[in-house]
Amino acid sequence: MDINIDLIFKVLMLIVIIGISVKAIKFITSVVFKIALVLFIILLVYKMFI
């Protein structure tokens, strides 16, 4: 009985860790994308006026 509970706990812990890392990666990529988009727009406006 203890082995089953331990195994379930380890699997659930692995799922939680994977879920958190996926969310962290998505958050980081969205932040990087927003920064790149802002820089792109600034450069576009800069090139239009100069």
N, C-alpha and C. Protein backbone atom coordinates (compact mmCIF):
# COMPACT_ATOMS: atom_id res chain seq x y z
N MET A 1 0.83 -1.21 0.00
CA MET A 1 0.00 0.00 0.00
C MET A 1 0.87 1.26 0.00
N ASP A 2 1.91 1.25 0.80
CA ASP A 2 2.80 2.41 0.88
C ASP A 2 3.50 2.68 -0.45
N ILE A 3 3.86 1.59 -1.16
CA ILE A 3 4.56 1.73 -2.44
C ILE A 3 3.66 2.43 -3.46
N ASN A 4 2.40 2.05 -3.52
CA ASN A 4 1.45 2.67 -4.44
C ASN A 4 1.28 4.16 -4.17
N ILE A 5 1.10 4.52 -2.90
CA ILE A 5 0.94 5.92 -2.51
C ILE A 5 2.21 6.71 -2.86
N ASP A 6 3.36 6.12 -2.59
CA ASP A 6 4.63 6.77 -2.89
C ASP A 6 4.79 6.98 -4.40
N LEU A 7 4.42 5.98 -5.18
CA LEU A 7 4.51 6.05 -6.64
C LEU A 7 3.57 7.13 -7.18
N ILE A 8 2.33 7.14 -6.68
CA ILE A 8 1.35 8.16 -7.08
C ILE A 8 1.88 9.55 -6.73
N PHE A 9 2.44 9.71 -5.55
CA PHE A 9 2.99 10.99 -5.11
C PHE A 9 4.10 11.46 -6.04
N LYS A 10 5.00 10.54 -6.41
CA LYS A 10 6.10 10.89 -7.31
C LYS A 10 5.61 11.30 -8.69
N VAL A 11 4.61 10.56 -9.21
CA VAL A 11 4.03 10.89 -10.53
C VAL A 11 3.36 12.26 -10.49
N LEU A 12 2.57 12.51 -9.43
CA LEU A 12 1.88 13.80 -9.30
C LEU A 12 2.89 14.94 -9.17
N MET A 13 3.98 14.72 -8.41
CA MET A 13 5.02 15.73 -8.25
C MET A 13 5.66 16.05 -9.60
N LEU A 14 5.92 15.01 -10.40
CA LEU A 14 6.50 15.18 -11.73
C LEU A 14 5.58 15.99 -12.63
N ILE A 15 4.26 15.67 -12.60
CA ILE A 15 3.27 16.40 -13.40
C ILE A 15 3.23 17.88 -12.99
N VAL A 16 3.25 18.13 -11.68
CA VAL A 16 3.22 19.51 -11.17
C VAL A 16 4.46 20.28 -11.62
N ILE A 17 5.63 19.65 -11.51
CA ILE A 17 6.89 20.30 -11.92
C ILE A 17 6.87 20.62 -13.42
N ILE A 18 6.41 19.65 -14.23
CA ILE A 18 6.32 19.87 -15.68
C ILE A 18 5.34 21.01 -15.98
N GLY A 19 4.21 21.00 -15.32
CA GLY A 19 3.20 22.05 -15.53
C GLY A 19 3.73 23.43 -15.19
N ILE A 20 4.43 23.55 -14.06
CA ILE A 20 5.00 24.83 -13.64
C ILE A 20 6.06 25.30 -14.64
N SER A 21 6.93 24.38 -15.07
CA SER A 21 7.99 24.76 -16.02
C SER A 21 7.41 25.18 -17.36
N VAL A 22 6.35 24.50 -17.83
CA VAL A 22 5.69 24.89 -19.09
C VAL A 22 5.09 26.28 -18.97
N LYS A 23 4.42 26.55 -17.84
CA LYS A 23 3.83 27.88 -17.63
C LYS A 23 4.91 28.95 -17.55
N ALA A 24 6.03 28.64 -16.89
CA ALA A 24 7.14 29.59 -16.79
C ALA A 24 7.72 29.90 -18.17
N ILE A 25 7.89 28.85 -18.99
CA ILE A 25 8.42 29.04 -20.35
C ILE A 25 7.46 29.89 -21.18
N LYS A 26 6.15 29.60 -21.10
CA LYS A 26 5.16 30.38 -21.84
C LYS A 26 5.18 31.84 -21.39
N PHE A 27 5.30 32.08 -20.08
CA PHE A 27 5.34 33.45 -19.55
C PHE A 27 6.57 34.19 -20.07
N ILE A 28 7.74 33.52 -20.02
CA ILE A 28 8.99 34.13 -20.47
C ILE A 28 8.92 34.45 -21.96
N THR A 29 8.41 33.50 -22.77
CA THR A 29 8.33 33.74 -24.21
C THR A 29 7.35 34.86 -24.54
N SER A 30 6.24 34.96 -23.80
CA SER A 30 5.29 36.04 -24.05
C SER A 30 5.89 37.40 -23.70
N VAL A 31 6.68 37.46 -22.62
CA VAL A 31 7.35 38.70 -22.24
C VAL A 31 8.38 39.10 -23.29
N VAL A 32 9.18 38.14 -23.74
CA VAL A 32 10.18 38.39 -24.78
C VAL A 32 9.49 38.86 -26.07
N PHE A 33 8.38 38.21 -26.43
CA PHE A 33 7.63 38.58 -27.63
C PHE A 33 7.11 40.01 -27.54
N LYS A 34 6.58 40.40 -26.39
CA LYS A 34 6.07 41.76 -26.20
C LYS A 34 7.19 42.79 -26.32
N ILE A 35 8.35 42.50 -25.73
CA ILE A 35 9.50 43.41 -25.82
C ILE A 35 9.94 43.54 -27.28
N ALA A 36 10.03 42.41 -27.99
CA ALA A 36 10.44 42.42 -29.40
C ALA A 36 9.44 43.21 -30.24
N LEU A 37 8.15 43.04 -29.97
CA LEU A 37 7.11 43.75 -30.70
C LEU A 37 7.23 45.26 -30.49
N VAL A 38 7.42 45.69 -29.25
CA VAL A 38 7.58 47.11 -28.93
C VAL A 38 8.81 47.67 -29.64
N LEU A 39 9.94 46.97 -29.58
CA LEU A 39 11.16 47.41 -30.26
C LEU A 39 10.95 47.50 -31.76
N PHE A 40 10.25 46.52 -32.34
CA PHE A 40 9.96 46.50 -33.77
C PHE A 40 9.14 47.72 -34.18
N ILE A 41 8.11 48.05 -33.40
CA ILE A 41 7.25 49.21 -33.67
C ILE A 41 8.05 50.50 -33.56
N ILE A 42 8.89 50.61 -32.54
CA ILE A 42 9.74 51.80 -32.36
C ILE A 42 10.67 51.98 -33.56
N LEU A 43 11.31 50.88 -33.99
CA LEU A 43 12.20 50.94 -35.16
C LEU A 43 11.44 51.31 -36.43
N LEU A 44 10.24 50.77 -36.58
CA LEU A 44 9.41 51.07 -37.75
C LEU A 44 9.06 52.55 -37.79
N VAL A 45 8.62 53.10 -36.67
CA VAL A 45 8.28 54.53 -36.57
C VAL A 45 9.54 55.37 -36.81
N TYR A 46 10.65 54.95 -36.24
CA TYR A 46 11.93 55.65 -36.40
C TYR A 46 12.34 55.72 -37.86
N LYS A 47 12.20 54.61 -38.60
CA LYS A 47 12.57 54.55 -40.02
C LYS A 47 11.61 55.38 -40.87
N MET A 48 10.34 55.43 -40.49
CA MET A 48 9.36 56.21 -41.24
C MET A 48 9.66 57.71 -41.18
N PHE A 49 10.07 58.19 -40.03
CA PHE A 49 10.27 59.62 -39.84
C PHE A 49 11.68 60.08 -40.19
N ILE A 50 12.64 59.17 -40.21
CA ILE A 50 14.03 59.57 -40.50
C ILE A 50 14.51 58.90 -41.78
